[in-house]
Amino acid sequence: MINPMHRIFYIETFIYYFRGIDSCINLINKCIEDFEKHQIENPTEEYPIDIILNSLQDFINFAGNISKMLWPIKKEELFISRGKEFRELIEVEDESILKNRDIRNAVEHFDEKLDLYLEKFPVGTIYPKYVGPYESYFNECTHFFRAYFTDTSIFQILNTKIEINPLIIELNKIRSVMAKKVDLPD
């Protein structure tokens, strides 16, 4: 059990992660609004899309850190009990999308994934970065280093595709429950 006097330090950690998530989402939304407002037809060429892709990668990293707070990597009793206590406190089920290690590992172990990806370098059309709708001409010979498909809200990094909207919904649910139970600031 977490010492009640220590709980504030865990809460501060969650606050940091949620504020980071907010910053990422706000920046992504602003950039996408700019696309629509200025009717940018090819954001890859006409707009610094690194802002969106970097923010999405940071968002996944923050979400992954929340995942680790709830489902620790190390199986020592201290860590397991902390994760269990917070999952119970903020009513997070084991079916939560945040429990999916593939999401967290997509960015956490990126260096290793990049080594493996480049070892079997794909043949076909390769987009180092892309933001826009998933086009009908994309096929199994189309590869993305990092991409965000605006029509489906899917972020792709190498061969891993991550649905962003379900993550946002789950994180908002966790934040809402946590705010009621531990006086979490907005």
C-alpha atoms as a PDB file:
ATOM      1  CA  MET A   1       0.000   0.000   0.000  1.00  0.00           C
ATOM      2  CA  ILE A   2       1.197   3.479  -0.847  1.00  0.00           C
ATOM      3  CA  ASN A   3       2.008   5.571   2.175  1.00  0.00           C
ATOM      4  CA  PRO A   4      -0.616   8.386   2.230  1.00  0.00           C
ATOM      5  CA  MET A   5       2.173  10.917   2.754  1.00  0.00           C
ATOM      6  CA  HIS A   6       3.838   9.707  -0.464  1.00  0.00           C
ATOM      7  CA  ARG A   7       0.725   9.731  -2.621  1.00  0.00           C
ATOM      8  CA  ILE A   8       1.208  13.402  -3.580  1.00  0.00           C
ATOM      9  CA  PHE A   9       4.444  12.523  -5.387  1.00  0.00           C
ATOM     10  CA  TYR A  10       2.627   9.993  -7.554  1.00  0.00           C
ATOM     11  CA  ILE A  11      -0.180  12.485  -8.171  1.00  0.00           C
ATOM     12  CA  GLU A  12       2.373  15.107  -9.244  1.00  0.00           C
ATOM     13  CA  THR A  13       3.788  12.576 -11.698  1.00  0.00           C
ATOM     14  CA  PHE A  14       0.333  11.970 -13.197  1.00  0.00           C
ATOM     15  CA  ILE A  15      -0.226  15.746 -13.401  1.00  0.00           C
ATOM     16  CA  TYR A  16       3.038  16.138 -15.315  1.00  0.00           C
ATOM     17  CA  TYR A  17       2.018  13.423 -17.790  1.00  0.00           C
ATOM     18  CA  PHE A  18      -1.480  14.854 -18.287  1.00  0.00           C
ATOM     19  CA  ARG A  19      -0.116  18.359 -18.867  1.00  0.00           C
ATOM     20  CA  GLY A  20       2.311  16.965 -21.424  1.00  0.00           C
ATOM     21  CA  ILE A  21      -0.559  15.168 -23.138  1.00  0.00           C
ATOM     22  CA  ASP A  22      -2.583  18.395 -23.189  1.00  0.00           C
ATOM     23  CA  SER A  23       0.289  20.308 -24.764  1.00  0.00           C
ATOM     24  CA  CYS A  24       0.701  17.684 -27.471  1.00  0.00           C
ATOM     25  CA  ILE A  25      -3.012  17.473 -28.289  1.00  0.00           C
ATOM     26  CA  ASN A  26      -3.441  21.256 -28.331  1.00  0.00           C
ATOM     27  CA  LEU A  27      -0.507  21.659 -30.713  1.00  0.00           C
ATOM     28  CA  ILE A  28      -1.746  18.870 -32.998  1.00  0.00           C
ATOM     29  CA  ASN A  29      -5.262  20.332 -33.082  1.00  0.00           C
ATOM     30  CA  LYS A  30      -3.926  23.816 -33.854  1.00  0.00           C
ATOM     31  CA  CYS A  31      -1.857  22.486 -36.755  1.00  0.00           C
ATOM     32  CA  ILE A  32      -4.760  20.495 -38.172  1.00  0.00           C
ATOM     33  CA  GLU A  33      -7.032  23.554 -37.893  1.00  0.00           C
ATOM     34  CA  ASP A  34      -4.386  25.478 -39.849  1.00  0.00           C
ATOM     35  CA  PHE A  35      -4.514  22.806 -42.567  1.00  0.00           C
ATOM     36  CA  GLU A  36      -8.258  23.173 -42.875  1.00  0.00           C
ATOM     37  CA  LYS A  37      -8.283  26.964 -42.538  1.00  0.00           C
ATOM     38  CA  HIS A  38      -5.649  27.513 -45.208  1.00  0.00           C
ATOM     39  CA  GLN A  39      -6.797  24.571 -47.319  1.00  0.00           C
ATOM     40  CA  ILE A  40      -3.327  23.121 -47.464  1.00  0.00           C
ATOM     41  CA  GLU A  41      -3.556  20.377 -50.062  1.00  0.00           C
ATOM     42  CA  ASN A  42      -0.247  18.644 -49.416  1.00  0.00           C
ATOM     43  CA  PRO A  43       0.820  19.178 -45.793  1.00  0.00           C
ATOM     44  CA  THR A  44       3.911  17.038 -46.299  1.00  0.00           C
ATOM     45  CA  GLU A  45       5.344  19.617 -48.706  1.00  0.00           C
ATOM     46  CA  GLU A  46       3.652  22.850 -47.620  1.00  0.00           C
ATOM     47  CA  TYR A  47       3.707  22.718 -43.839  1.00  0.00           C
ATOM     48  CA  PRO A  48       6.261  21.732 -41.197  1.00  0.00           C
ATOM     49  CA  ILE A  49       4.576  18.433 -40.361  1.00  0.00           C
ATOM     50  CA  ASP A  50       7.357  17.497 -37.977  1.00  0.00           C
ATOM     51  CA  ILE A  51       5.412  19.475 -35.365  1.00  0.00           C
ATOM     52  CA  ILE A  52       2.464  17.090 -35.653  1.00  0.00           C
ATOM     53  CA  LEU A  53       4.530  13.917 -35.867  1.00  0.00           C
ATOM     54  CA  ASN A  54       6.804  14.911 -32.981  1.00  0.00           C
ATOM     55  CA  SER A  55       3.788  15.837 -30.860  1.00  0.00           C
ATOM     56  CA  LEU A  56       2.124  12.515 -31.613  1.00  0.00           C
ATOM     57  CA  GLN A  57       5.271  10.638 -30.679  1.00  0.00           C
ATOM     58  CA  ASP A  58       5.507  12.659 -27.448  1.00  0.00           C
ATOM     59  CA  PHE A  59       1.804  12.002 -26.766  1.00  0.00           C
ATOM     60  CA  ILE A  60       2.403   8.246 -27.100  1.00  0.00           C
ATOM     61  CA  ASN A  61       5.374   8.548 -24.757  1.00  0.00           C
ATOM     62  CA  PHE A  62       3.306  10.349 -22.090  1.00  0.00           C
ATOM     63  CA  ALA A  63       0.496   7.792 -22.460  1.00  0.00           C
ATOM     64  CA  GLY A  64       3.085   5.022 -22.150  1.00  0.00           C
ATOM     65  CA  ASN A  65       4.389   6.510 -18.932  1.00  0.00           C
ATOM     66  CA  ILE A  66       0.876   6.525 -17.489  1.00  0.00           C
ATOM     67  CA  SER A  67       0.599   2.904 -18.595  1.00  0.00           C
ATOM     68  CA  LYS A  68       3.786   2.074 -16.689  1.00  0.00           C
ATOM     69  CA  MET A  69       2.430   3.782 -13.566  1.00  0.00           C
ATOM     70  CA  LEU A  70      -0.623   1.501 -13.759  1.00  0.00           C
ATOM     71  CA  TRP A  71       1.036  -1.675 -15.085  1.00  0.00           C
ATOM     72  CA  PRO A  72       4.685  -1.584 -13.993  1.00  0.00           C
ATOM     73  CA  ILE A  73       7.296  -3.325 -16.111  1.00  0.00           C
ATOM     74  CA  LYS A  74       9.185  -4.829 -13.192  1.00  0.00           C
ATOM     75  CA  LYS A  75       7.327  -7.507 -11.301  1.00  0.00           C
ATOM     76  CA  GLU A  76       8.593  -6.616  -7.836  1.00  0.00           C
ATOM     77  CA  GLU A  77       5.890  -6.400  -5.157  1.00  0.00           C
ATOM     78  CA  LEU A  78       6.471  -2.688  -4.487  1.00  0.00           C
ATOM     79  CA  PHE A  79       5.785  -1.798  -8.122  1.00  0.00           C
ATOM     80  CA  ILE A  80       2.945  -4.265  -8.624  1.00  0.00           C
ATOM     81  CA  SER A  81       1.096  -3.039  -5.518  1.00  0.00           C
ATOM     82  CA  ARG A  82       1.473   0.614  -6.607  1.00  0.00           C
ATOM     83  CA  GLY A  83       0.017  -0.143 -10.029  1.00  0.00           C
ATOM     84  CA  LYS A  84      -2.832  -2.170  -8.566  1.00  0.00           C
ATOM     85  CA  GLU A  85      -3.648   0.499  -5.995  1.00  0.00           C
ATOM     86  CA  PHE A  86      -3.823   3.254  -8.610  1.00  0.00           C
ATOM     87  CA  ARG A  87      -5.850   1.113 -11.044  1.00  0.00           C
ATOM     88  CA  GLU A  88      -8.371   0.482  -8.277  1.00  0.00           C
ATOM     89  CA  LEU A  89      -8.373   4.109  -7.125  1.00  0.00           C
ATOM     90  CA  ILE A  90      -9.029   5.525 -10.589  1.00  0.00           C
ATOM     91  CA  GLU A  91     -11.165   2.597 -11.769  1.00  0.00           C
ATOM     92  CA  VAL A  92      -9.010   1.421 -14.671  1.00  0.00           C
ATOM     93  CA  GLU A  93      -9.896  -2.034 -15.958  1.00  0.00           C
ATOM     94  CA  ASP A  94      -7.386  -4.583 -17.199  1.00  0.00           C
ATOM     95  CA  GLU A  95      -9.058  -4.259 -20.617  1.00  0.00           C
ATOM     96  CA  SER A  96      -7.859  -0.663 -20.898  1.00  0.00           C
ATOM     97  CA  ILE A  97      -6.135   0.236 -24.157  1.00  0.00           C
ATOM     98  CA  LEU A  98      -3.303   1.609 -22.012  1.00  0.00           C
ATOM     99  CA  LYS A  99      -2.356  -1.898 -20.935  1.00  0.00           C
ATOM    100  CA  ASN A 100      -1.337  -2.674 -24.524  1.00  0.00           C
ATOM    101  CA  ARG A 101       2.468  -2.775 -24.396  1.00  0.00           C
ATOM    102  CA  ASP A 102       2.742  -2.424 -28.185  1.00  0.00           C
ATOM    103  CA  ILE A 103       1.609   1.189 -27.954  1.00  0.00           C
ATOM    104  CA  ARG A 104       4.192   2.097 -25.350  1.00  0.00           C
ATOM    105  CA  ASN A 105       6.937   0.048 -26.935  1.00  0.00           C
ATOM    106  CA  ALA A 106       6.430   1.728 -30.317  1.00  0.00           C
ATOM    107  CA  VAL A 107       8.277   4.783 -29.060  1.00  0.00           C
ATOM    108  CA  GLU A 108      10.028   3.486 -25.958  1.00  0.00           C
ATOM    109  CA  HIS A 109      12.090   0.913 -27.840  1.00  0.00           C
ATOM    110  CA  PHE A 110      12.223   2.918 -31.043  1.00  0.00           C
ATOM    111  CA  ASP A 111      15.979   2.531 -31.489  1.00  0.00           C
ATOM    112  CA  GLU A 112      15.689  -1.267 -31.525  1.00  0.00           C
ATOM    113  CA  LYS A 113      12.661  -1.226 -33.794  1.00  0.00           C
ATOM    114  CA  LEU A 114      14.488   1.098 -36.184  1.00  0.00           C
ATOM    115  CA  ASP A 115      17.467  -1.287 -36.319  1.00  0.00           C
ATOM    116  CA  LEU A 116      15.184  -4.195 -37.207  1.00  0.00           C
ATOM    117  CA  TYR A 117      13.166  -2.129 -39.692  1.00  0.00           C
ATOM    118  CA  LEU A 118      16.275  -0.939 -41.535  1.00  0.00           C
ATOM    119  CA  GLU A 119      17.818  -4.404 -41.510  1.00  0.00           C
ATOM    120  CA  LYS A 120      14.924  -5.535 -43.721  1.00  0.00           C
ATOM    121  CA  PHE A 121      14.701  -2.258 -45.613  1.00  0.00           C
ATOM    122  CA  PRO A 122      11.356  -2.175 -47.416  1.00  0.00           C
ATOM    123  CA  VAL A 123      11.000  -2.054 -51.170  1.00  0.00           C
ATOM    124  CA  GLY A 124       8.516   0.328 -52.739  1.00  0.00           C
ATOM    125  CA  THR A 125       7.456   3.889 -52.069  1.00  0.00           C
ATOM    126  CA  ILE A 126       8.812   5.158 -48.764  1.00  0.00           C
ATOM    127  CA  TYR A 127       7.497   8.270 -47.037  1.00  0.00           C
ATOM    128  CA  PRO A 128       9.899   9.529 -44.358  1.00  0.00           C
ATOM    129  CA  LYS A 129       7.031  11.654 -43.001  1.00  0.00           C
ATOM    130  CA  TYR A 130       3.424  12.062 -43.984  1.00  0.00           C
ATOM    131  CA  VAL A 131       0.347  13.834 -42.645  1.00  0.00           C
ATOM    132  CA  GLY A 132      -2.918  13.602 -44.549  1.00  0.00           C
ATOM    133  CA  PRO A 133      -5.663  11.159 -45.441  1.00  0.00           C
ATOM    134  CA  TYR A 134      -4.947   7.529 -46.199  1.00  0.00           C
ATOM    135  CA  GLU A 135      -4.956   7.600 -49.981  1.00  0.00           C
ATOM    136  CA  SER A 136      -6.496   4.900 -52.175  1.00  0.00           C
ATOM    137  CA  TYR A 137      -3.205   4.437 -54.025  1.00  0.00           C
ATOM    138  CA  PHE A 138      -1.350   3.422 -50.862  1.00  0.00           C
ATOM    139  CA  ASN A 139      -0.758  -0.327 -50.904  1.00  0.00           C
ATOM    140  CA  GLU A 140       1.499  -3.045 -49.473  1.00  0.00           C
ATOM    141  CA  CYS A 141       4.437  -1.425 -51.295  1.00  0.00           C
ATOM    142  CA  THR A 142       3.846   1.919 -49.536  1.00  0.00           C
ATOM    143  CA  HIS A 143       5.887   2.358 -46.375  1.00  0.00           C
ATOM    144  CA  PHE A 144       5.945   5.092 -43.758  1.00  0.00           C
ATOM    145  CA  PHE A 145       8.687   6.020 -41.335  1.00  0.00           C
ATOM    146  CA  ARG A 146       6.227   8.222 -39.417  1.00  0.00           C
ATOM    147  CA  ALA A 147       2.734   9.134 -40.560  1.00  0.00           C
ATOM    148  CA  TYR A 148      -0.529  10.527 -39.261  1.00  0.00           C
ATOM    149  CA  PHE A 149      -3.638   9.711 -41.252  1.00  0.00           C
ATOM    150  CA  THR A 150      -6.041  12.566 -40.601  1.00  0.00           C
ATOM    151  CA  ASP A 151      -9.130  10.710 -41.845  1.00  0.00           C
ATOM    152  CA  THR A 152      -8.711   7.820 -39.377  1.00  0.00           C
ATOM    153  CA  SER A 153      -6.645   9.470 -36.610  1.00  0.00           C
ATOM    154  CA  ILE A 154      -4.066   6.715 -36.894  1.00  0.00           C
ATOM    155  CA  PHE A 155      -0.438   7.422 -36.113  1.00  0.00           C
ATOM    156  CA  GLN A 156       2.023   5.062 -37.740  1.00  0.00           C
ATOM    157  CA  ILE A 157       5.630   4.723 -36.683  1.00  0.00           C
ATOM    158  CA  LEU A 158       7.533   2.187 -38.750  1.00  0.00           C
ATOM    159  CA  ASN A 159       5.154  -0.806 -38.902  1.00  0.00           C
ATOM    160  CA  THR A 160       3.143   0.011 -35.779  1.00  0.00           C
ATOM    161  CA  LYS A 161      -0.243   1.681 -36.187  1.00  0.00           C
ATOM    162  CA  ILE A 162      -1.804   3.375 -33.176  1.00  0.00           C
ATOM    163  CA  GLU A 163      -5.387   4.600 -33.010  1.00  0.00           C
ATOM    164  CA  ILE A 164      -5.185   7.980 -31.314  1.00  0.00           C
ATOM    165  CA  ASN A 165      -8.869   8.630 -30.527  1.00  0.00           C
ATOM    166  CA  PRO A 166      -9.382   5.575 -28.248  1.00  0.00           C
ATOM    167  CA  LEU A 167      -6.247   6.585 -26.337  1.00  0.00           C
ATOM    168  CA  ILE A 168      -7.529  10.129 -25.867  1.00  0.00           C
ATOM    169  CA  ILE A 169     -10.910   8.821 -24.676  1.00  0.00           C
ATOM    170  CA  GLU A 170      -9.269   6.475 -22.141  1.00  0.00           C
ATOM    171  CA  LEU A 171      -6.867   9.131 -20.878  1.00  0.00           C
ATOM    172  CA  ASN A 172      -9.717  11.634 -20.464  1.00  0.00           C
ATOM    173  CA  LYS A 173     -11.721   9.027 -18.542  1.00  0.00           C
ATOM    174  CA  ILE A 174      -8.771   8.329 -16.226  1.00  0.00           C
ATOM    175  CA  ARG A 175      -8.159  12.026 -15.679  1.00  0.00           C
ATOM    176  CA  SER A 176     -11.833  12.638 -14.905  1.00  0.00           C
ATOM    177  CA  VAL A 177     -12.030   9.857 -12.309  1.00  0.00           C
ATOM    178  CA  MET A 178      -8.685  10.853 -10.832  1.00  0.00           C
ATOM    179  CA  ALA A 179      -9.740  14.501 -10.576  1.00  0.00           C
ATOM    180  CA  LYS A 180     -12.785  13.504  -8.512  1.00  0.00           C
ATOM    181  CA  LYS A 181     -10.839  11.228  -6.214  1.00  0.00           C
ATOM    182  CA  VAL A 182      -7.552  13.040  -5.607  1.00  0.00           C
ATOM    183  CA  ASP A 183      -8.272  16.725  -6.259  1.00  0.00           C
ATOM    184  CA  LEU A 184      -6.398  16.760  -9.549  1.00  0.00           C
ATOM    185  CA  PRO A 185      -6.165  20.260 -11.039  1.00  0.00           C
ATOM    186  CA  ASP A 186      -7.469  20.915 -14.551  1.00  0.00           C
END
